[in-house]
Amino acid sequence: QVQLVESGGGLVQPGGSLTLSCAAAGNIFLAYAMGWYRQAPGNQRELVATIARNGWTNYANFVKGRFTISRDNAKNTVNLQMNSLKPEDPAVYCCNADVQTGTLRGDYWGRGTQVTVSS
């Protein structure tokens, strides 16, 4: 089994910053792509950013220039540095990882962490 645990969410004023962290734990042989998605009430889940094992990144247009994704392959962690947060950014942010365990390769999700942007 693989567990993803997020941390770092909270309340921030518009223009402020937050850093989200996600740690993958369990029977992990190799973590391939890792990423962050978000879902606001009434909306579908949407991609925020992903990062491949080699460091290649992909960002949604609405976060380009504001958010930075990074990872530590040795620790199986992925972070999301969020700057210049906007009133439209609040959502539950979930971590995702494509993981090879001892016998299987699968897609895993964390439970999410709430990000609120309000003055």
C-alpha atoms as a PDB file:
ATOM      1  CA  GLN A   1       0.000   0.000   0.000  1.00  0.00           C
ATOM      2  CA  VAL A   2       0.997   3.585  -0.644  1.00  0.00           C
ATOM      3  CA  GLN A   3      -0.174   6.595   1.307  1.00  0.00           C
ATOM      4  CA  LEU A   4       0.119  10.229   0.286  1.00  0.00           C
ATOM      5  CA  VAL A   5      -0.149  12.802   3.044  1.00  0.00           C
ATOM      6  CA  GLU A   6      -0.434  16.508   2.299  1.00  0.00           C
ATOM      7  CA  SER A   7       0.307  19.398   4.594  1.00  0.00           C
ATOM      8  CA  GLY A   8       0.697  23.144   4.433  1.00  0.00           C
ATOM      9  CA  GLY A   9      -2.759  24.350   3.546  1.00  0.00           C
ATOM     10  CA  GLY A  10      -4.438  27.191   5.347  1.00  0.00           C
ATOM     11  CA  LEU A  11      -5.765  30.700   5.149  1.00  0.00           C
ATOM     12  CA  VAL A  12      -3.834  33.397   3.355  1.00  0.00           C
ATOM     13  CA  GLN A  13      -4.620  36.888   2.148  1.00  0.00           C
ATOM     14  CA  PRO A  14      -4.757  37.686  -1.563  1.00  0.00           C
ATOM     15  CA  GLY A  15      -1.246  38.140  -2.829  1.00  0.00           C
ATOM     16  CA  GLY A  16       0.155  35.927  -0.126  1.00  0.00           C
ATOM     17  CA  SER A  17       2.074  32.685  -0.311  1.00  0.00           C
ATOM     18  CA  LEU A  18       1.732  29.110   0.884  1.00  0.00           C
ATOM     19  CA  THR A  19       3.821  26.017   0.445  1.00  0.00           C
ATOM     20  CA  LEU A  20       2.129  22.647   0.184  1.00  0.00           C
ATOM     21  CA  SER A  21       4.004  19.454   0.882  1.00  0.00           C
ATOM     22  CA  CYS A  22       3.187  15.856   0.114  1.00  0.00           C
ATOM     23  CA  ALA A  23       4.978  12.792   1.358  1.00  0.00           C
ATOM     24  CA  ALA A  24       4.486   9.377  -0.170  1.00  0.00           C
ATOM     25  CA  ALA A  25       5.046   6.422   2.104  1.00  0.00           C
ATOM     26  CA  GLY A  26       4.654   2.691   1.942  1.00  0.00           C
ATOM     27  CA  ASN A  27       5.950  -0.070  -0.256  1.00  0.00           C
ATOM     28  CA  ILE A  28       7.429   2.271  -2.852  1.00  0.00           C
ATOM     29  CA  PHE A  29       9.922   0.950  -5.341  1.00  0.00           C
ATOM     30  CA  LEU A  30       9.862   3.989  -7.599  1.00  0.00           C
ATOM     31  CA  ALA A  31       7.769   7.144  -7.835  1.00  0.00           C
ATOM     32  CA  TYR A  32       7.252   8.318 -11.392  1.00  0.00           C
ATOM     33  CA  ALA A  33       5.276  11.496 -12.064  1.00  0.00           C
ATOM     34  CA  MET A  34       3.980  13.385  -9.049  1.00  0.00           C
ATOM     35  CA  GLY A  35       1.662  16.315  -9.039  1.00  0.00           C
ATOM     36  CA  TRP A  36      -0.954  18.557  -7.542  1.00  0.00           C
ATOM     37  CA  TYR A  37      -4.599  18.880  -8.489  1.00  0.00           C
ATOM     38  CA  ARG A  38      -7.311  21.023  -7.009  1.00  0.00           C
ATOM     39  CA  GLN A  39     -11.053  20.953  -6.668  1.00  0.00           C
ATOM     40  CA  ALA A  40     -13.229  23.862  -5.644  1.00  0.00           C
ATOM     41  CA  PRO A  41     -16.869  23.382  -4.585  1.00  0.00           C
ATOM     42  CA  GLY A  42     -19.075  22.798  -7.595  1.00  0.00           C
ATOM     43  CA  ASN A  43     -16.115  22.387  -9.914  1.00  0.00           C
ATOM     44  CA  GLN A  44     -14.355  19.410 -11.386  1.00  0.00           C
ATOM     45  CA  ARG A  45     -10.901  18.470 -10.232  1.00  0.00           C
ATOM     46  CA  GLU A  46      -8.263  20.192 -12.315  1.00  0.00           C
ATOM     47  CA  LEU A  47      -4.566  19.803 -12.816  1.00  0.00           C
ATOM     48  CA  VAL A  48      -2.365  22.395 -11.147  1.00  0.00           C
ATOM     49  CA  ALA A  49       1.134  21.106 -11.825  1.00  0.00           C
ATOM     50  CA  THR A  50       3.023  17.890 -12.379  1.00  0.00           C
ATOM     51  CA  ILE A  51       6.671  16.960 -12.227  1.00  0.00           C
ATOM     52  CA  ALA A  52       8.368  13.968 -13.758  1.00  0.00           C
ATOM     53  CA  ARG A  53      11.061  12.016 -12.046  1.00  0.00           C
ATOM     54  CA  ASN A  54      13.678  13.762 -14.185  1.00  0.00           C
ATOM     55  CA  GLY A  55      12.376  17.161 -13.123  1.00  0.00           C
ATOM     56  CA  TRP A  56      10.344  18.081 -16.174  1.00  0.00           C
ATOM     57  CA  THR A  57       7.395  20.158 -15.110  1.00  0.00           C
ATOM     58  CA  ASN A  58       3.963  20.952 -16.479  1.00  0.00           C
ATOM     59  CA  TYR A  59       1.761  23.755 -15.203  1.00  0.00           C
ATOM     60  CA  ALA A  60      -1.808  24.786 -15.747  1.00  0.00           C
ATOM     61  CA  ASN A  61      -1.975  28.143 -17.486  1.00  0.00           C
ATOM     62  CA  PHE A  62      -3.703  29.741 -14.529  1.00  0.00           C
ATOM     63  CA  VAL A  63      -0.693  29.138 -12.239  1.00  0.00           C
ATOM     64  CA  LYS A  64       2.206  29.744 -14.585  1.00  0.00           C
ATOM     65  CA  GLY A  65       4.578  32.258 -13.106  1.00  0.00           C
ATOM     66  CA  ARG A  66       2.975  32.020  -9.672  1.00  0.00           C
ATOM     67  CA  PHE A  67       3.357  28.402  -8.544  1.00  0.00           C
ATOM     68  CA  THR A  68       6.466  26.240  -8.522  1.00  0.00           C
ATOM     69  CA  ILE A  69       6.463  22.470  -8.157  1.00  0.00           C
ATOM     70  CA  SER A  70       9.491  20.568  -6.916  1.00  0.00           C
ATOM     71  CA  ARG A  71      10.291  17.087  -5.681  1.00  0.00           C
ATOM     72  CA  ASP A  72      12.816  15.068  -3.751  1.00  0.00           C
ATOM     73  CA  ASN A  73      13.190  11.653  -5.316  1.00  0.00           C
ATOM     74  CA  ALA A  74      15.118  10.241  -2.377  1.00  0.00           C
ATOM     75  CA  LYS A  75      12.350  11.176   0.056  1.00  0.00           C
ATOM     76  CA  ASN A  76       9.385  10.649  -2.307  1.00  0.00           C
ATOM     77  CA  THR A  77       8.087  14.106  -1.578  1.00  0.00           C
ATOM     78  CA  VAL A  78       6.607  16.799  -3.775  1.00  0.00           C
ATOM     79  CA  ASN A  79       6.098  20.438  -2.885  1.00  0.00           C
ATOM     80  CA  LEU A  80       4.073  23.234  -4.375  1.00  0.00           C
ATOM     81  CA  GLN A  81       5.202  26.772  -3.696  1.00  0.00           C
ATOM     82  CA  MET A  82       2.255  29.070  -4.289  1.00  0.00           C
ATOM     83  CA  ASN A  83       2.880  32.789  -4.616  1.00  0.00           C
ATOM     84  CA  SER A  84       0.619  35.678  -5.520  1.00  0.00           C
ATOM     85  CA  LEU A  85      -2.456  33.745  -4.467  1.00  0.00           C
ATOM     86  CA  LYS A  86      -5.689  34.998  -5.947  1.00  0.00           C
ATOM     87  CA  PRO A  87      -9.315  34.901  -4.755  1.00  0.00           C
ATOM     88  CA  GLU A  88      -9.979  32.235  -7.421  1.00  0.00           C
ATOM     89  CA  ASP A  89      -7.314  29.864  -6.062  1.00  0.00           C
ATOM     90  CA  PRO A  90      -9.187  28.464  -3.009  1.00  0.00           C
ATOM     91  CA  ALA A  91      -9.792  24.748  -3.276  1.00  0.00           C
ATOM     92  CA  VAL A  92      -8.852  21.432  -1.809  1.00  0.00           C
ATOM     93  CA  TYR A  93      -5.409  20.682  -3.188  1.00  0.00           C
ATOM     94  CA  CYS A  94      -4.634  16.988  -3.621  1.00  0.00           C
ATOM     95  CA  CYS A  95      -1.348  15.264  -4.203  1.00  0.00           C
ATOM     96  CA  ASN A  96      -1.059  12.571  -6.851  1.00  0.00           C
ATOM     97  CA  ALA A  97       1.686  10.081  -7.591  1.00  0.00           C
ATOM     98  CA  ASP A  98       2.298   7.362 -10.133  1.00  0.00           C
ATOM     99  CA  VAL A  99       4.054   4.733  -8.066  1.00  0.00           C
ATOM    100  CA  GLN A 100       5.665   1.387  -8.688  1.00  0.00           C
ATOM    101  CA  THR A 101       5.378  -0.819  -5.646  1.00  0.00           C
ATOM    102  CA  GLY A 102       6.985  -4.213  -5.294  1.00  0.00           C
ATOM    103  CA  THR A 103       4.508  -5.814  -7.669  1.00  0.00           C
ATOM    104  CA  LEU A 104       2.179  -3.205  -9.093  1.00  0.00           C
ATOM    105  CA  ARG A 105       2.182   0.233 -10.630  1.00  0.00           C
ATOM    106  CA  GLY A 106      -0.678   2.494  -9.724  1.00  0.00           C
ATOM    107  CA  ASP A 107      -2.049   5.988  -9.366  1.00  0.00           C
ATOM    108  CA  TYR A 108      -2.386   7.204  -5.788  1.00  0.00           C
ATOM    109  CA  TRP A 109      -4.100  10.209  -4.243  1.00  0.00           C
ATOM    110  CA  GLY A 110      -3.862  12.021  -0.959  1.00  0.00           C
ATOM    111  CA  ARG A 111      -6.924  13.241   0.898  1.00  0.00           C
ATOM    112  CA  GLY A 112      -6.171  16.849   0.191  1.00  0.00           C
ATOM    113  CA  THR A 113      -5.438  20.033   2.070  1.00  0.00           C
ATOM    114  CA  GLN A 114      -7.645  23.109   2.078  1.00  0.00           C
ATOM    115  CA  VAL A 115      -6.340  26.390   0.738  1.00  0.00           C
ATOM    116  CA  THR A 116      -8.380  29.497   1.483  1.00  0.00           C
ATOM    117  CA  VAL A 117      -7.637  32.944   0.115  1.00  0.00           C
ATOM    118  CA  SER A 118      -9.457  35.736   1.835  1.00  0.00           C
ATOM    119  CA  SER A 119      -8.849  39.169   3.231  1.00  0.00           C
END
